[in-house]
Amino acid sequence: MGFVFVSGRRSLDFAGTRKWRRSDAPEEQLLSPADLSAWVEAAGLLDAAPAFGESDLRAAIDLREAVYRTASARLDDRRPEQGDVTLLNDHARRPGLVPTLLPDGSTRRSGSAGELLATLAADLLDLLAAPARVKRCANTECTRLYVDTSRAENRQWCGMSECGNRAKVRAYRRRHREGDRSPADDRTTG
């Protein structure tokens, strides 16, 4: 599974596990509890994810969708849905993931599904409380959200490896197609 971590916040990266939301065939990356475990480990939130069950997966997807809708509502200058407000607040007020310092000086990151969801919900609320520049990817097909931390605040793409590179290739091809036209092609005869 090709998880992408380009959003600048784990809650937005988590929302990105449903890709191409506006397309006729959105890509769901969390099809099973094992996929959720794989995302958690790839995100570096836990050293080894617990054995998630189907109910954990459903709760995670419900939270993911609330994260996406709420962040999108903020971008659109509208109020979030009341159900999403309740769900996010309920999760965010619960205990989150806490790393453990071991006697040898190393750390261990472990926790439950509930602590994971609490951490992701709190991350979104923390993001919304700050003056962070959350943006949508400029690729009209992409639905990923990200935090623009560029100095000029002019980042356009969720990430260069996906959407940014595609846009540059399209622009390059367009320029070269237009450059291939001869001046005679532009003249009209009368």
N, C-alpha and C. Protein backbone atom coordinates (compact mmCIF):
# COMPACT_ATOMS: atom_id res chain seq x y z
N MET A 1 0.86 -1.18 0.00
CA MET A 1 0.00 0.00 0.00
C MET A 1 0.90 1.22 0.00
N GLY A 2 0.66 2.14 -0.89
CA GLY A 2 1.49 3.32 -1.04
C GLY A 2 0.95 4.52 -0.27
N PHE A 3 1.18 4.55 1.02
CA PHE A 3 0.74 5.69 1.82
C PHE A 3 1.66 6.87 1.57
N VAL A 4 1.08 8.06 1.58
CA VAL A 4 1.83 9.28 1.32
C VAL A 4 1.70 10.18 2.54
N PHE A 5 2.82 10.74 2.97
CA PHE A 5 2.85 11.62 4.13
C PHE A 5 3.43 12.97 3.71
N VAL A 6 2.59 13.79 3.11
CA VAL A 6 3.04 15.08 2.59
C VAL A 6 2.24 16.25 3.17
N SER A 7 1.28 15.96 4.02
CA SER A 7 0.34 16.99 4.47
C SER A 7 0.89 17.90 5.56
N GLY A 8 1.90 17.46 6.25
CA GLY A 8 2.46 18.28 7.32
C GLY A 8 1.82 18.04 8.68
N ARG A 9 0.75 17.30 8.72
CA ARG A 9 0.10 16.93 9.98
C ARG A 9 -0.47 15.53 9.81
N ARG A 10 -0.37 14.74 10.86
CA ARG A 10 -0.85 13.36 10.78
C ARG A 10 -2.35 13.27 10.55
N SER A 11 -3.12 14.20 11.11
CA SER A 11 -4.57 14.14 10.89
C SER A 11 -4.90 14.36 9.41
N LEU A 12 -4.19 15.25 8.74
CA LEU A 12 -4.45 15.48 7.32
C LEU A 12 -3.90 14.35 6.46
N ASP A 13 -2.76 13.78 6.86
CA ASP A 13 -2.26 12.59 6.17
C ASP A 13 -3.27 11.44 6.29
N PHE A 14 -3.87 11.32 7.47
CA PHE A 14 -4.87 10.28 7.68
C PHE A 14 -6.08 10.52 6.79
N ALA A 15 -6.53 11.76 6.67
CA ALA A 15 -7.65 12.09 5.78
C ALA A 15 -7.30 11.73 4.34
N GLY A 16 -6.03 11.78 4.00
CA GLY A 16 -5.57 11.46 2.66
C GLY A 16 -5.56 9.99 2.33
N THR A 17 -5.98 9.13 3.26
CA THR A 17 -6.04 7.70 2.96
C THR A 17 -7.26 7.36 2.11
N ARG A 18 -8.09 8.33 1.85
CA ARG A 18 -9.14 8.21 0.81
C ARG A 18 -8.74 9.23 -0.25
N LYS A 19 -8.29 8.71 -1.38
CA LYS A 19 -7.73 9.56 -2.43
C LYS A 19 -8.75 9.79 -3.54
N TRP A 20 -8.57 10.90 -4.25
CA TRP A 20 -9.37 11.21 -5.44
C TRP A 20 -10.87 11.20 -5.10
N ARG A 21 -11.25 11.85 -4.02
CA ARG A 21 -12.62 11.84 -3.52
C ARG A 21 -13.66 12.32 -4.53
N ARG A 22 -13.31 13.24 -5.40
CA ARG A 22 -14.28 13.77 -6.36
C ARG A 22 -14.41 12.92 -7.62
N SER A 23 -13.58 11.93 -7.77
CA SER A 23 -13.62 11.12 -8.99
C SER A 23 -14.75 10.10 -8.92
N ASP A 24 -15.02 9.47 -10.04
CA ASP A 24 -16.04 8.42 -10.09
C ASP A 24 -15.59 7.17 -9.34
N ALA A 25 -14.29 7.03 -9.14
CA ALA A 25 -13.75 5.86 -8.45
C ALA A 25 -12.71 6.31 -7.43
N PRO A 26 -13.15 6.87 -6.28
CA PRO A 26 -12.17 7.25 -5.26
C PRO A 26 -11.38 6.02 -4.80
N GLU A 27 -10.15 6.26 -4.39
CA GLU A 27 -9.28 5.16 -3.96
C GLU A 27 -9.27 5.09 -2.44
N GLU A 28 -9.81 4.01 -1.91
CA GLU A 28 -9.84 3.76 -0.47
C GLU A 28 -8.61 2.94 -0.11
N GLN A 29 -7.79 3.47 0.79
CA GLN A 29 -6.59 2.77 1.20
C GLN A 29 -6.77 1.97 2.49
N LEU A 30 -7.86 2.20 3.20
CA LEU A 30 -8.11 1.48 4.45
C LEU A 30 -9.24 0.48 4.23
N LEU A 31 -8.91 -0.62 3.59
CA LEU A 31 -9.91 -1.64 3.26
C LEU A 31 -10.07 -2.69 4.34
N SER A 32 -9.09 -2.78 5.23
CA SER A 32 -9.13 -3.81 6.26
C SER A 32 -8.43 -3.30 7.51
N PRO A 33 -8.66 -3.97 8.64
CA PRO A 33 -7.92 -3.59 9.85
C PRO A 33 -6.40 -3.66 9.65
N ALA A 34 -5.94 -4.59 8.82
CA ALA A 34 -4.50 -4.70 8.55
C ALA A 34 -3.99 -3.45 7.84
N ASP A 35 -4.81 -2.86 6.96
CA ASP A 35 -4.42 -1.63 6.28
C ASP A 35 -4.28 -0.49 7.29
N LEU A 36 -5.20 -0.43 8.25
CA LEU A 36 -5.11 0.59 9.29
C LEU A 36 -3.82 0.41 10.09
N SER A 37 -3.51 -0.82 10.44
CA SER A 37 -2.25 -1.10 11.16
C SER A 37 -1.05 -0.67 10.34
N ALA A 38 -1.08 -0.96 9.05
CA ALA A 38 0.04 -0.58 8.18
C ALA A 38 0.20 0.93 8.12
N TRP A 39 -0.92 1.66 8.04
CA TRP A 39 -0.83 3.13 8.00
C TRP A 39 -0.25 3.66 9.30
N VAL A 40 -0.72 3.15 10.43
CA VAL A 40 -0.26 3.62 11.74
C VAL A 40 1.25 3.43 11.88
N GLU A 41 1.74 2.28 11.46
CA GLU A 41 3.17 2.02 11.55
C GLU A 41 3.95 2.89 10.55
N ALA A 42 3.43 3.03 9.32
CA ALA A 42 4.11 3.87 8.33
C ALA A 42 4.15 5.33 8.78
N ALA A 43 3.11 5.77 9.48
CA ALA A 43 3.05 7.15 9.98
C ALA A 43 3.98 7.36 11.17
N GLY A 44 4.51 6.28 11.74
CA GLY A 44 5.41 6.39 12.88
C GLY A 44 4.70 6.70 14.18
N LEU A 45 3.40 6.45 14.23
CA LEU A 45 2.66 6.73 15.45
C LEU A 45 2.83 5.63 16.50
N LEU A 46 3.00 4.41 16.04
CA LEU A 46 3.20 3.27 16.93
C LEU A 46 4.31 2.40 16.37
N ASP A 47 5.09 1.80 17.27
CA ASP A 47 6.14 0.90 16.80
C ASP A 47 5.53 -0.35 16.19
N ALA A 48 4.50 -0.86 16.82
CA ALA A 48 3.76 -2.01 16.32
C ALA A 48 2.30 -1.78 16.65
N ALA A 49 1.49 -1.71 15.61
CA ALA A 49 0.07 -1.44 15.83
C ALA A 49 -0.59 -2.64 16.49
N PRO A 50 -1.54 -2.38 17.38
CA PRO A 50 -2.27 -3.50 17.97
C PRO A 50 -3.12 -4.19 16.91
N ALA A 51 -3.65 -5.32 17.25
CA ALA A 51 -4.53 -6.04 16.32
C ALA A 51 -5.87 -5.31 16.27
N PHE A 52 -6.03 -4.46 15.28
CA PHE A 52 -7.28 -3.74 15.12
C PHE A 52 -8.36 -4.68 14.62
N GLY A 53 -9.59 -4.41 15.02
CA GLY A 53 -10.73 -5.19 14.55
C GLY A 53 -11.57 -4.36 13.59
N GLU A 54 -12.62 -4.97 13.09
CA GLU A 54 -13.52 -4.29 12.15
C GLU A 54 -14.15 -3.06 12.78
N SER A 55 -14.50 -3.13 14.06
CA SER A 55 -15.11 -1.97 14.72
C SER A 55 -14.10 -0.83 14.85
N ASP A 56 -12.82 -1.16 15.06
CA ASP A 56 -11.77 -0.13 15.10
C ASP A 56 -11.63 0.54 13.74
N LEU A 57 -11.69 -0.27 12.68
CA LEU A 57 -11.59 0.26 11.33
C LEU A 57 -12.76 1.20 11.04
N ARG A 58 -13.97 0.79 11.39
CA ARG A 58 -15.15 1.65 11.16
C ARG A 58 -15.03 2.96 11.93
N ALA A 59 -14.58 2.88 13.18
CA ALA A 59 -14.41 4.09 13.99
C ALA A 59 -13.33 4.99 13.39
N ALA A 60 -12.26 4.40 12.89
CA ALA A 60 -11.18 5.18 12.28
C ALA A 60 -11.67 5.87 11.01
N ILE A 61 -12.44 5.17 10.18
CA ILE A 61 -12.95 5.77 8.96
C ILE A 61 -13.95 6.87 9.28
N ASP A 62 -14.79 6.66 10.28
CA ASP A 62 -15.72 7.72 10.70
C ASP A 62 -14.95 8.97 11.12
N LEU A 63 -13.89 8.77 11.90
CA LEU A 63 -13.08 9.91 12.34
C LEU A 63 -12.37 10.55 11.15
N ARG A 64 -11.82 9.74 10.27
CA ARG A 64 -11.13 10.27 9.09
C ARG A 64 -12.05 11.18 8.28
N GLU A 65 -13.27 10.74 8.07
CA GLU A 65 -14.21 11.53 7.28
C GLU A 65 -14.60 12.81 8.01
N ALA A 66 -14.73 12.75 9.33
CA ALA A 66 -15.02 13.95 10.11
C ALA A 66 -13.85 14.94 10.02
N VAL A 67 -12.63 14.42 10.05
CA VAL A 67 -11.44 15.27 9.90
C VAL A 67 -11.48 15.98 8.55
N TYR A 68 -11.74 15.23 7.50
CA TYR A 68 -11.74 15.81 6.16
C TYR A 68 -12.85 16.84 6.00
N ARG A 69 -14.06 16.49 6.42
CA ARG A 69 -15.18 17.43 6.28
C ARG A 69 -14.96 18.70 7.10
N THR A 70 -14.40 18.55 8.28
CA THR A 70 -14.20 19.71 9.16
C THR A 70 -13.11 20.62 8.62
N ALA A 71 -12.00 20.05 8.17
CA ALA A 71 -10.94 20.87 7.58
C ALA A 71 -11.43 21.53 6.29
N SER A 72 -12.22 20.82 5.51
CA SER A 72 -12.78 21.39 4.28
C SER A 72 -13.75 22.52 4.59
N ALA A 73 -14.55 22.34 5.62
CA ALA A 73 -15.48 23.40 6.02
C ALA A 73 -14.71 24.67 6.38
N ARG A 74 -13.60 24.53 7.08
CA ARG A 74 -12.79 25.67 7.44
C ARG A 74 -12.27 26.37 6.18
N LEU A 75 -11.82 25.60 5.21
CA LEU A 75 -11.32 26.18 3.96
C LEU A 75 -12.42 26.90 3.18
N ASP A 76 -13.65 26.41 3.31
CA ASP A 76 -14.78 26.99 2.59
C ASP A 76 -15.50 28.06 3.40
N ASP A 77 -14.94 28.44 4.55
CA ASP A 77 -15.54 29.43 5.44
C ASP A 77 -16.99 29.09 5.81
N ARG A 78 -17.19 27.82 6.15
CA ARG A 78 -18.51 27.42 6.63
C ARG A 78 -18.37 26.64 7.93
N ARG A 79 -19.47 26.51 8.61
CA ARG A 79 -19.46 25.79 9.89
C ARG A 79 -19.32 24.30 9.66
N PRO A 80 -18.61 23.63 10.55
CA PRO A 80 -18.54 22.17 10.44
C PRO A 80 -19.88 21.54 10.81
N GLU A 81 -20.08 20.33 10.38
CA GLU A 81 -21.30 19.60 10.71
C GLU A 81 -21.31 19.28 12.20
N GLN A 82 -22.47 19.43 12.83
CA GLN A 82 -22.57 19.21 14.28
C GLN A 82 -22.14 17.80 14.69
N GLY A 83 -22.49 16.81 13.90
CA GLY A 83 -22.07 15.44 14.21
C GLY A 83 -20.56 15.30 14.20
N ASP A 84 -19.90 16.00 13.28
CA ASP A 84 -18.44 15.96 13.22
C ASP A 84 -17.83 16.67 14.42
N VAL A 85 -18.42 17.79 14.81
CA VAL A 85 -17.94 18.52 15.99
C VAL A 85 -18.01 17.61 17.21
N THR A 86 -19.12 16.95 17.39
CA THR A 86 -19.30 16.05 18.53
C THR A 86 -18.30 14.91 18.50
N LEU A 87 -18.17 14.27 17.34
CA LEU A 87 -17.25 13.13 17.21
C LEU A 87 -15.81 13.55 17.48
N LEU A 88 -15.38 14.65 16.88
CA LEU A 88 -14.00 15.11 17.08
C LEU A 88 -13.74 15.48 18.54
N ASN A 89 -14.66 16.20 19.14
CA ASN A 89 -14.49 16.57 20.55
C ASN A 89 -14.49 15.35 21.45
N ASP A 90 -15.38 14.39 21.19
CA ASP A 90 -15.42 13.16 22.01
C ASP A 90 -14.09 12.43 21.96
N HIS A 91 -13.52 12.29 20.77
CA HIS A 91 -12.24 11.59 20.65
C HIS A 91 -11.10 12.42 21.25
N ALA A 92 -11.08 13.71 20.97
CA ALA A 92 -9.95 14.56 21.39
C ALA A 92 -9.83 14.67 22.90
N ARG A 93 -10.92 14.51 23.63
CA ARG A 93 -10.83 14.65 25.08
C ARG A 93 -10.40 13.35 25.78
N ARG A 94 -10.25 12.30 25.02
CA ARG A 94 -9.79 11.02 25.59
C ARG A 94 -8.26 10.99 25.65
N PRO A 95 -7.71 10.09 26.43
CA PRO A 95 -6.25 9.98 26.48
C PRO A 95 -5.67 9.58 25.12
N GLY A 96 -4.59 10.22 24.74
CA GLY A 96 -3.95 9.94 23.46
C GLY A 96 -2.73 9.06 23.63
N LEU A 97 -2.05 8.84 22.53
CA LEU A 97 -0.82 8.04 22.54
C LEU A 97 0.26 8.76 23.32
N VAL A 98 0.99 8.02 24.13
CA VAL A 98 2.09 8.58 24.92
C VAL A 98 3.28 7.65 24.79
N PRO A 99 4.42 8.14 24.33
CA PRO A 99 5.60 7.28 24.26
C PRO A 99 6.10 6.95 25.66
N THR A 100 6.76 5.82 25.77
CA THR A 100 7.29 5.36 27.06
C THR A 100 8.81 5.34 26.99
N LEU A 101 9.46 5.95 27.99
CA LEU A 101 10.91 5.90 28.09
C LEU A 101 11.29 4.62 28.80
N LEU A 102 12.15 3.84 28.19
CA LEU A 102 12.59 2.56 28.76
C LEU A 102 13.88 2.77 29.56
N PRO A 103 14.19 1.85 30.49
CA PRO A 103 15.39 2.00 31.33
C PRO A 103 16.69 2.16 30.55
N ASP A 104 16.75 1.60 29.33
CA ASP A 104 17.99 1.71 28.56
C ASP A 104 18.09 3.04 27.80
N GLY A 105 17.08 3.91 27.96
CA GLY A 105 17.10 5.21 27.31
C GLY A 105 16.35 5.27 26.00
N SER A 106 15.97 4.11 25.48
CA SER A 106 15.19 4.10 24.24
C SER A 106 13.72 4.39 24.57
N THR A 107 12.95 4.59 23.54
CA THR A 107 11.52 4.83 23.74
C THR A 107 10.71 3.78 23.00
N ARG A 108 9.51 3.60 23.49
CA ARG A 108 8.57 2.68 22.84
C ARG A 108 7.28 3.45 22.61
N ARG A 109 6.75 3.30 21.41
CA ARG A 109 5.46 3.92 21.07
C ARG A 109 4.44 2.82 20.92
N SER A 110 3.51 2.78 21.85
CA SER A 110 2.46 1.77 21.79
C SER A 110 1.16 2.42 22.25
N GLY A 111 0.07 1.76 21.99
CA GLY A 111 -1.21 2.30 22.42
C GLY A 111 -2.36 1.54 21.78
N SER A 112 -3.54 1.95 22.15
CA SER A 112 -4.76 1.29 21.69
C SER A 112 -5.36 2.05 20.51
N ALA A 113 -6.38 1.46 19.93
CA ALA A 113 -7.11 2.12 18.84
C ALA A 113 -7.73 3.43 19.34
N GLY A 114 -8.31 3.40 20.52
CA GLY A 114 -8.91 4.60 21.09
C GLY A 114 -7.90 5.72 21.29
N GLU A 115 -6.71 5.37 21.76
CA GLU A 115 -5.66 6.38 21.96
C GLU A 115 -5.17 6.93 20.62
N LEU A 116 -5.12 6.08 19.61
CA LEU A 116 -4.75 6.52 18.28
C LEU A 116 -5.77 7.54 17.76
N LEU A 117 -7.04 7.22 17.85
CA LEU A 117 -8.08 8.12 17.35
C LEU A 117 -8.10 9.42 18.14
N ALA A 118 -7.85 9.34 19.44
CA ALA A 118 -7.79 10.55 20.27
C ALA A 118 -6.64 11.44 19.81
N THR A 119 -5.51 10.85 19.50
CA THR A 119 -4.35 11.61 19.04
C THR A 119 -4.62 12.29 17.71
N LEU A 120 -5.26 11.58 16.78
CA LEU A 120 -5.55 12.16 15.47
C LEU A 120 -6.58 13.28 15.58
N ALA A 121 -7.61 13.09 16.41
CA ALA A 121 -8.63 14.13 16.60
C ALA A 121 -8.00 15.36 17.25
N ALA A 122 -7.20 15.15 18.28
CA ALA A 122 -6.55 16.28 18.96
C ALA A 122 -5.60 17.00 18.01
N ASP A 123 -4.94 16.26 17.11
CA ASP A 123 -4.04 16.89 16.15
C ASP A 123 -4.82 17.84 15.25
N LEU A 124 -5.99 17.43 14.78
CA LEU A 124 -6.78 18.33 13.93
C LEU A 124 -7.23 19.55 14.71
N LEU A 125 -7.71 19.36 15.93
CA LEU A 125 -8.18 20.50 16.72
C LEU A 125 -7.05 21.46 17.02
N ASP A 126 -5.87 20.92 17.30
CA ASP A 126 -4.69 21.77 17.51
C ASP A 126 -4.36 22.56 16.24
N LEU A 127 -4.45 21.91 15.10
CA LEU A 127 -4.20 22.56 13.82
C LEU A 127 -5.20 23.69 13.57
N LEU A 128 -6.47 23.43 13.84
CA LEU A 128 -7.51 24.43 13.60
C LEU A 128 -7.42 25.60 14.58
N ALA A 129 -6.82 25.36 15.74
CA ALA A 129 -6.68 26.42 16.74
C ALA A 129 -5.53 27.37 16.42
N ALA A 130 -4.63 26.95 15.55
CA ALA A 130 -3.44 27.75 15.20
C ALA A 130 -3.69 28.49 13.88
N PRO A 131 -2.91 29.49 13.61
CA PRO A 131 -3.07 30.21 12.34
C PRO A 131 -2.38 29.51 11.17
N ALA A 132 -2.44 28.17 11.14
CA ALA A 132 -1.77 27.40 10.09
C ALA A 132 -2.45 27.63 8.74
N ARG A 133 -1.67 27.55 7.69
CA ARG A 133 -2.18 27.74 6.33
C ARG A 133 -2.54 26.39 5.73
N VAL A 134 -3.74 25.91 6.03
CA VAL A 134 -4.21 24.66 5.44
C VAL A 134 -4.72 24.99 4.04
N LYS A 135 -4.32 24.16 3.09
CA LYS A 135 -4.71 24.38 1.70
C LYS A 135 -5.16 23.08 1.06
N ARG A 136 -5.80 23.22 -0.09
CA ARG A 136 -6.15 22.08 -0.94
C ARG A 136 -5.11 22.00 -2.06
N CYS A 137 -4.84 20.80 -2.50
CA CYS A 137 -3.94 20.62 -3.63
C CYS A 137 -4.53 21.31 -4.85
N ALA A 138 -3.68 21.97 -5.64
CA ALA A 138 -4.12 22.68 -6.83
C ALA A 138 -4.50 21.75 -7.98
N ASN A 139 -4.13 20.49 -7.87
CA ASN A 139 -4.57 19.50 -8.86
C ASN A 139 -6.07 19.30 -8.64
N THR A 140 -6.88 19.67 -9.62
CA THR A 140 -8.33 19.62 -9.44
C THR A 140 -8.86 18.21 -9.22
N GLU A 141 -8.09 17.20 -9.59
CA GLU A 141 -8.50 15.82 -9.36
C GLU A 141 -8.13 15.34 -7.96
N CYS A 142 -7.15 15.95 -7.37
CA CYS A 142 -6.67 15.55 -6.05
C CYS A 142 -7.50 16.21 -4.96
N THR A 143 -7.72 15.50 -3.88
CA THR A 143 -8.50 16.06 -2.77
C THR A 143 -7.70 16.12 -1.48
N ARG A 144 -6.39 16.01 -1.60
CA ARG A 144 -5.54 16.04 -0.41
C ARG A 144 -5.44 17.45 0.16
N LEU A 145 -5.42 17.54 1.48
CA LEU A 145 -5.23 18.80 2.21
C LEU A 145 -3.84 18.78 2.81
N TYR A 146 -3.25 19.98 2.96
CA TYR A 146 -1.89 20.05 3.52
C TYR A 146 -1.69 21.39 4.19
N VAL A 147 -0.64 21.46 5.01
CA VAL A 147 -0.25 22.71 5.65
C VAL A 147 0.87 23.31 4.83
N ASP A 148 0.66 24.54 4.37
CA ASP A 148 1.67 25.24 3.58
C ASP A 148 2.65 25.92 4.53
N THR A 149 3.83 25.37 4.62
CA THR A 149 4.86 25.93 5.49
C THR A 149 5.95 26.62 4.68
N SER A 150 5.69 26.81 3.39
CA SER A 150 6.69 27.48 2.56
C SER A 150 6.84 28.93 3.01
N ARG A 151 8.01 29.47 2.86
CA ARG A 151 8.30 30.83 3.32
C ARG A 151 7.36 31.84 2.67
N ALA A 152 7.12 31.71 1.38
CA ALA A 152 6.25 32.66 0.67
C ALA A 152 4.77 32.27 0.72
N GLU A 153 4.49 31.14 1.39
CA GLU A 153 3.11 30.62 1.47
C GLU A 153 2.50 30.47 0.09
N ASN A 154 3.28 29.91 -0.83
CA ASN A 154 2.81 29.75 -2.20
C ASN A 154 2.86 28.31 -2.69
N ARG A 155 2.92 27.37 -1.78
CA ARG A 155 2.90 25.96 -2.17
C ARG A 155 1.55 25.66 -2.81
N GLN A 156 1.57 24.95 -3.92
CA GLN A 156 0.34 24.66 -4.65
C GLN A 156 -0.07 23.20 -4.61
N TRP A 157 0.89 22.32 -4.46
CA TRP A 157 0.62 20.89 -4.62
C TRP A 157 0.74 20.17 -3.29
N CYS A 158 -0.02 19.09 -3.15
CA CYS A 158 0.08 18.29 -1.93
C CYS A 158 1.50 17.77 -1.79
N GLY A 159 2.09 17.39 -2.90
CA GLY A 159 3.46 16.91 -2.90
C GLY A 159 4.01 16.89 -4.31
N MET A 160 5.28 17.09 -4.45
CA MET A 160 5.89 17.11 -5.78
C MET A 160 5.94 15.72 -6.39
N SER A 161 6.07 14.69 -5.58
CA SER A 161 6.20 13.34 -6.14
C SER A 161 4.92 12.88 -6.83
N GLU A 162 3.78 13.42 -6.42
CA GLU A 162 2.53 13.03 -7.06
C GLU A 162 2.02 14.16 -7.93
N CYS A 163 1.30 15.06 -7.37
CA CYS A 163 0.59 16.09 -8.13
C CYS A 163 1.50 17.15 -8.73
N GLY A 164 2.49 17.59 -8.01
CA GLY A 164 3.38 18.62 -8.54
C GLY A 164 4.11 18.16 -9.78
N ASN A 165 4.63 16.96 -9.75
CA ASN A 165 5.35 16.42 -10.89
C ASN A 165 4.40 16.24 -12.08
N ARG A 166 3.19 15.75 -11.83
CA ARG A 166 2.21 15.59 -12.91
C ARG A 166 1.90 16.93 -13.56
N ALA A 167 1.72 17.95 -12.75
CA ALA A 167 1.41 19.28 -13.29
C ALA A 167 2.57 19.81 -14.11
N LYS A 168 3.79 19.60 -13.66
CA LYS A 168 4.94 20.08 -14.41
C LYS A 168 5.07 19.35 -15.75
N VAL A 169 4.79 18.05 -15.76
CA VAL A 169 4.84 17.28 -17.00
C VAL A 169 3.78 17.77 -17.97
N ARG A 170 2.55 18.00 -17.48
CA ARG A 170 1.47 18.52 -18.34
C ARG A 170 1.85 19.89 -18.91
N ALA A 171 2.39 20.77 -18.08
CA ALA A 171 2.77 22.11 -18.54
C ALA A 171 3.88 22.02 -19.58
N TYR A 172 4.85 21.13 -19.35
CA TYR A 172 5.95 20.94 -20.30
C TYR A 172 5.40 20.47 -21.64
N ARG A 173 4.53 19.48 -21.61
CA ARG A 173 3.96 18.96 -22.86
C ARG A 173 3.13 20.02 -23.58
N ARG A 174 2.37 20.79 -22.82
CA ARG A 174 1.55 21.85 -23.42
C ARG A 174 2.45 22.89 -24.09
N ARG A 175 3.51 23.30 -23.39
CA ARG A 175 4.43 24.29 -23.98
C ARG A 175 5.05 23.76 -25.27
N HIS A 176 5.42 22.49 -25.28
CA HIS A 176 6.07 21.92 -26.46
C HIS A 176 5.08 21.68 -27.58
N ARG A 177 3.84 21.38 -27.29
CA ARG A 177 2.82 21.27 -28.34
C ARG A 177 2.59 22.64 -28.97
N GLU A 178 2.48 23.65 -28.12
CA GLU A 178 2.26 25.00 -28.64
C GLU A 178 3.48 25.49 -29.40
N GLY A 179 4.66 25.10 -28.98
CA GLY A 179 5.89 25.50 -29.65
C GLY A 179 6.07 24.81 -30.99
N ASP A 180 5.41 23.67 -31.18
CA ASP A 180 5.53 22.93 -32.43
C ASP A 180 4.68 23.52 -33.55
N ARG A 181 3.75 24.38 -33.20
CA ARG A 181 2.93 25.00 -34.24
C ARG A 181 3.77 26.02 -35.01
N SER A 182 3.62 26.03 -36.28
CA SER A 182 4.36 27.02 -37.08
C SER A 182 3.58 28.32 -37.14
N PRO A 183 4.25 29.43 -37.40
CA PRO A 183 3.55 30.72 -37.50
C PRO A 183 2.46 30.67 -38.55
N ALA A 184 2.62 29.87 -39.60
CA ALA A 184 1.60 29.78 -40.62
C ALA A 184 0.31 29.20 -40.08
N ASP A 185 0.40 28.37 -39.04
CA ASP A 185 -0.79 27.79 -38.45
C ASP A 185 -1.66 28.84 -37.80
N ASP A 186 -1.07 29.95 -37.39
CA ASP A 186 -1.81 30.98 -36.67
C ASP A 186 -2.44 32.01 -37.61
N ARG A 187 -2.02 32.03 -38.88
CA ARG A 187 -2.55 33.03 -39.81
C ARG A 187 -3.89 32.58 -40.36
N THR A 188 -4.70 33.53 -40.57
CA THR A 188 -5.99 33.23 -41.20
C THR A 188 -5.96 33.76 -42.63
N THR A 189 -6.61 33.09 -43.48
CA THR A 189 -6.66 33.56 -44.87
C THR A 189 -7.99 34.25 -45.09
N GLY A 190 -8.02 35.22 -45.97
CA GLY A 190 -9.26 35.96 -46.09
C GLY A 190 -9.55 36.27 -47.42
